[in-house]
C-alpha atoms as a PDB file:
ATOM      1  CA  MET A   1    -127.120 137.891 -89.149  1.00  0.00           C
ATOM      2  CA  ASN A   2    -129.494 139.036 -86.435  1.00  0.00           C
ATOM      3  CA  THR A   3    -127.482 139.973 -83.336  1.00  0.00           C
ATOM      4  CA  THR A   4    -130.612 140.297 -81.183  1.00  0.00           C
ATOM      5  CA  ARG A   5    -131.342 136.575 -81.601  1.00  0.00           C
ATOM      6  CA  LYS A   6    -127.763 135.660 -80.657  1.00  0.00           C
ATOM      7  CA  TYR A   7    -127.951 137.956 -77.647  1.00  0.00           C
ATOM      8  CA  ASP A   8    -131.205 136.357 -76.477  1.00  0.00           C
ATOM      9  CA  GLU A   9    -129.711 132.866 -76.721  1.00  0.00           C
ATOM     10  CA  THR A  10    -126.563 133.893 -74.861  1.00  0.00           C
ATOM     11  CA  ARG A  11    -128.536 135.766 -72.231  1.00  0.00           C
ATOM     12  CA  LEU A  12    -130.824 132.768 -71.644  1.00  0.00           C
ATOM     13  CA  ALA A  13    -127.816 130.449 -71.392  1.00  0.00           C
ATOM     14  CA  GLU A  14    -126.175 132.746 -68.846  1.00  0.00           C
ATOM     15  CA  GLU A  15    -129.419 132.988 -66.879  1.00  0.00           C
ATOM     16  CA  ILE A  16    -129.685 129.189 -66.679  1.00  0.00           C
ATOM     17  CA  VAL A  17    -126.039 128.791 -65.614  1.00  0.00           C
ATOM     18  CA  SER A  18    -126.227 131.671 -63.116  1.00  0.00           C
ATOM     19  CA  VAL A  19    -127.438 129.337 -60.344  1.00  0.00           C
ATOM     20  CA  LEU A  20    -123.970 127.828 -60.035  1.00  0.00           C
ATOM     21  CA  PRO A  21    -121.516 129.577 -57.682  1.00  0.00           C
ATOM     22  CA  ALA A  22    -119.769 132.627 -59.165  1.00  0.00           C
ATOM     23  CA  GLY A  23    -116.714 131.810 -61.265  1.00  0.00           C
ATOM     24  CA  VAL A  24    -117.445 128.091 -61.479  1.00  0.00           C
ATOM     25  CA  ALA A  25    -118.954 128.021 -64.997  1.00  0.00           C
ATOM     26  CA  ARG A  26    -117.116 129.651 -67.877  1.00  0.00           C
ATOM     27  CA  ALA A  27    -118.184 129.900 -71.519  1.00  0.00           C
ATOM     28  CA  CYS A  28    -115.686 127.897 -73.524  1.00  0.00           C
ATOM     29  CA  SER A  29    -117.223 127.483 -76.966  1.00  0.00           C
ATOM     30  CA  ASP A  30    -119.777 129.489 -78.825  1.00  0.00           C
ATOM     31  CA  ASP A  31    -120.470 127.631 -82.050  1.00  0.00           C
ATOM     32  CA  ARG A  32    -123.361 127.606 -84.491  1.00  0.00           C
ATOM     33  CA  ASP A  33    -125.308 124.775 -82.857  1.00  0.00           C
ATOM     34  CA  ALA A  34    -124.600 125.046 -79.144  1.00  0.00           C
ATOM     35  CA  ILE A  35    -123.320 127.193 -76.318  1.00  0.00           C
ATOM     36  CA  ARG A  36    -120.842 125.280 -74.167  1.00  0.00           C
ATOM     37  CA  PHE A  37    -119.597 126.001 -70.665  1.00  0.00           C
ATOM     38  CA  THR A  38    -116.809 124.355 -68.702  1.00  0.00           C
ATOM     39  CA  VAL A  39    -117.310 123.851 -64.994  1.00  0.00           C
ATOM     40  CA  ARG A  40    -114.492 123.812 -62.458  1.00  0.00           C
ATOM     41  CA  GLY A  41    -115.479 123.558 -58.851  1.00  0.00           C
ATOM     42  CA  GLU A  42    -114.575 121.749 -55.666  1.00  0.00           C
ATOM     43  CA  GLY A  43    -116.950 118.901 -54.887  1.00  0.00           C
ATOM     44  CA  MET A  44    -118.731 119.099 -58.250  1.00  0.00           C
ATOM     45  CA  LYS A  45    -118.877 116.150 -60.576  1.00  0.00           C
ATOM     46  CA  LEU A  46    -120.204 118.382 -63.369  1.00  0.00           C
ATOM     47  CA  ARG A  47    -117.544 119.336 -65.935  1.00  0.00           C
ATOM     48  CA  SER A  48    -119.482 120.615 -68.952  1.00  0.00           C
ATOM     49  CA  ILE A  49    -122.779 122.245 -69.872  1.00  0.00           C
ATOM     50  CA  VAL A  50    -124.101 122.115 -73.442  1.00  0.00           C
ATOM     51  CA  LEU A  51    -127.135 124.207 -74.387  1.00  0.00           C
ATOM     52  CA  ASN A  52    -128.606 123.759 -77.872  1.00  0.00           C
ATOM     53  CA  ARG A  53    -129.176 127.085 -79.652  1.00  0.00           C
ATOM     54  CA  ALA A  54    -132.356 125.976 -81.457  1.00  0.00           C
ATOM     55  CA  SER A  55    -133.877 124.886 -78.144  1.00  0.00           C
ATOM     56  CA  LEU A  56    -132.880 128.177 -76.518  1.00  0.00           C
ATOM     57  CA  ARG A  57    -134.580 130.075 -79.373  1.00  0.00           C
ATOM     58  CA  LYS A  58    -137.793 128.102 -78.779  1.00  0.00           C
ATOM     59  CA  LEU A  59    -137.500 128.755 -75.069  1.00  0.00           C
ATOM     60  CA  ALA A  60    -137.101 132.509 -75.653  1.00  0.00           C
ATOM     61  CA  SER A  61    -140.508 132.723 -77.337  1.00  0.00           C
ATOM     62  CA  ASP A  62    -142.288 130.288 -75.013  1.00  0.00           C
ATOM     63  CA  PRO A  63    -145.034 131.862 -72.850  1.00  0.00           C
ATOM     64  CA  LEU A  64    -143.948 129.595 -69.951  1.00  0.00           C
ATOM     65  CA  ARG A  65    -140.309 130.636 -70.339  1.00  0.00           C
ATOM     66  CA  ASP A  66    -139.821 131.711 -66.713  1.00  0.00           C
ATOM     67  CA  VAL A  67    -141.166 128.442 -65.320  1.00  0.00           C
ATOM     68  CA  LYS A  68    -139.058 126.367 -67.708  1.00  0.00           C
ATOM     69  CA  ILE A  69    -135.910 128.358 -66.922  1.00  0.00           C
ATOM     70  CA  GLU A  70    -136.522 127.833 -63.213  1.00  0.00           C
ATOM     71  CA  TYR A  71    -136.920 124.083 -63.847  1.00  0.00           C
ATOM     72  CA  LEU A  72    -133.672 123.992 -65.852  1.00  0.00           C
ATOM     73  CA  GLN A  73    -131.862 125.857 -63.080  1.00  0.00           C
ATOM     74  CA  ARG A  74    -133.050 123.336 -60.465  1.00  0.00           C
ATOM     75  CA  ASP A  75    -132.100 120.466 -62.747  1.00  0.00           C
ATOM     76  CA  LEU A  76    -128.638 121.980 -63.278  1.00  0.00           C
ATOM     77  CA  VAL A  77    -128.029 122.334 -59.539  1.00  0.00           C
ATOM     78  CA  ALA A  78    -129.073 118.717 -59.003  1.00  0.00           C
ATOM     79  CA  ALA A  79    -126.857 117.561 -61.886  1.00  0.00           C
ATOM     80  CA  ALA A  80    -123.807 119.370 -60.491  1.00  0.00           C
ATOM     81  CA  GLY A  81    -123.248 116.653 -57.908  1.00  0.00           C
ATOM     82  CA  GLN A  82    -124.418 113.673 -59.946  1.00  0.00           C
ATOM     83  CA  ARG A  83    -123.488 113.925 -63.632  1.00  0.00           C
ATOM     84  CA  GLY A  84    -120.412 114.869 -65.615  1.00  0.00           C
ATOM     85  CA  GLU A  85    -122.361 116.705 -68.316  1.00  0.00           C
ATOM     86  CA  PHE A  86    -125.600 118.700 -68.399  1.00  0.00           C
ATOM     87  CA  ARG A  87    -127.381 119.002 -71.752  1.00  0.00           C
ATOM     88  CA  TYR A  88    -130.425 120.947 -72.812  1.00  0.00           C
ATOM     89  CA  PRO A  89    -132.390 119.321 -74.234  1.00  0.00           C
ATOM     90  CA  ARG A  90    -131.503 115.987 -72.744  1.00  0.00           C
ATOM     91  CA  LEU A  91    -130.419 113.270 -75.122  1.00  0.00           C
ATOM     92  CA  VAL A  92    -132.986 110.528 -75.485  1.00  0.00           C
ATOM     93  CA  ARG A  93    -131.585 107.044 -75.282  1.00  0.00           C
ATOM     94  CA  PRO A  94    -133.394 104.471 -77.381  1.00  0.00           C
ATOM     95  CA  VAL A  95    -135.075 101.801 -75.319  1.00  0.00           C
ATOM     96  CA  SER A  96    -133.924  98.318 -76.163  1.00  0.00           C
ATOM     97  CA  VAL A  97    -136.480  96.350 -78.172  1.00  0.00           C
ATOM     98  CA  ARG A  98    -135.570  93.273 -76.210  1.00  0.00           C
ATOM     99  CA  LYS A  99    -136.722  94.800 -72.940  1.00  0.00           C
ATOM    100  CA  THR A 100    -139.981  96.272 -74.213  1.00  0.00           C
ATOM    101  CA  MET A 101    -141.515  93.599 -76.431  1.00  0.00           C
ATOM    102  CA  PRO A 102    -142.497  90.008 -75.786  1.00  0.00           C
ATOM    103  CA  ARG A 103    -140.340  87.454 -77.562  1.00  0.00           C
ATOM    104  CA  ALA A 104    -143.046  86.382 -80.035  1.00  0.00           C
ATOM    105  CA  ILE A 105    -143.609  89.929 -81.263  1.00  0.00           C
ATOM    106  CA  ARG A 106    -139.867  90.608 -81.599  1.00  0.00           C
ATOM    107  CA  PHE A 107    -139.556  87.745 -84.025  1.00  0.00           C
ATOM    108  CA  GLY A 108    -142.577  88.794 -86.092  1.00  0.00           C
ATOM    109  CA  LEU A 109    -144.950  86.195 -84.746  1.00  0.00           C
ATOM    110  CA  THR A 110    -148.475  86.982 -83.703  1.00  0.00           C
ATOM    111  CA  PHE A 111    -149.989  85.526 -80.585  1.00  0.00           C
ATOM    112  CA  ALA A 112    -152.346  83.439 -82.731  1.00  0.00           C
ATOM    113  CA  SER A 113    -149.430  81.718 -84.475  1.00  0.00           C
ATOM    114  CA  VAL A 114    -147.726  80.979 -81.169  1.00  0.00           C
ATOM    115  CA  LEU A 115    -150.796  79.206 -79.753  1.00  0.00           C
END
C-alpha cells in the first residue's frame, strides 16, 4: 500500500475542511472509499462531510487543483448554514422523465402519430 497516496488524500481533505472554525470538524471515519468528518458547531446546520477518496486522488493530480480546492472551500462554508451533509463529489439526482419529456414521447409515440 502506498502511504504517500493516502497522505495526499488526507491532506487534501484537511485542507478543504480547514475553512471551518477550529475544532468544529473532526475526522470520524477513514474507510477505503471515503474520508468522513463530523461537524459540531453552534448555529451550523451541517453535521457531516463526506469526501470520496477516488475524487480526491483525481483532484491531487489536477493542474487546476488550487482553484478547485478554493471552490470546494467556498461551497463548504455556504453549505454549513444550509445543508445537513456536504459531499464531494455531489450526488446527482436523476431528473424525472415526467418533467422533462412531452407526454407523447414518454409513451413511445412520435409527433407524426399524434397528429
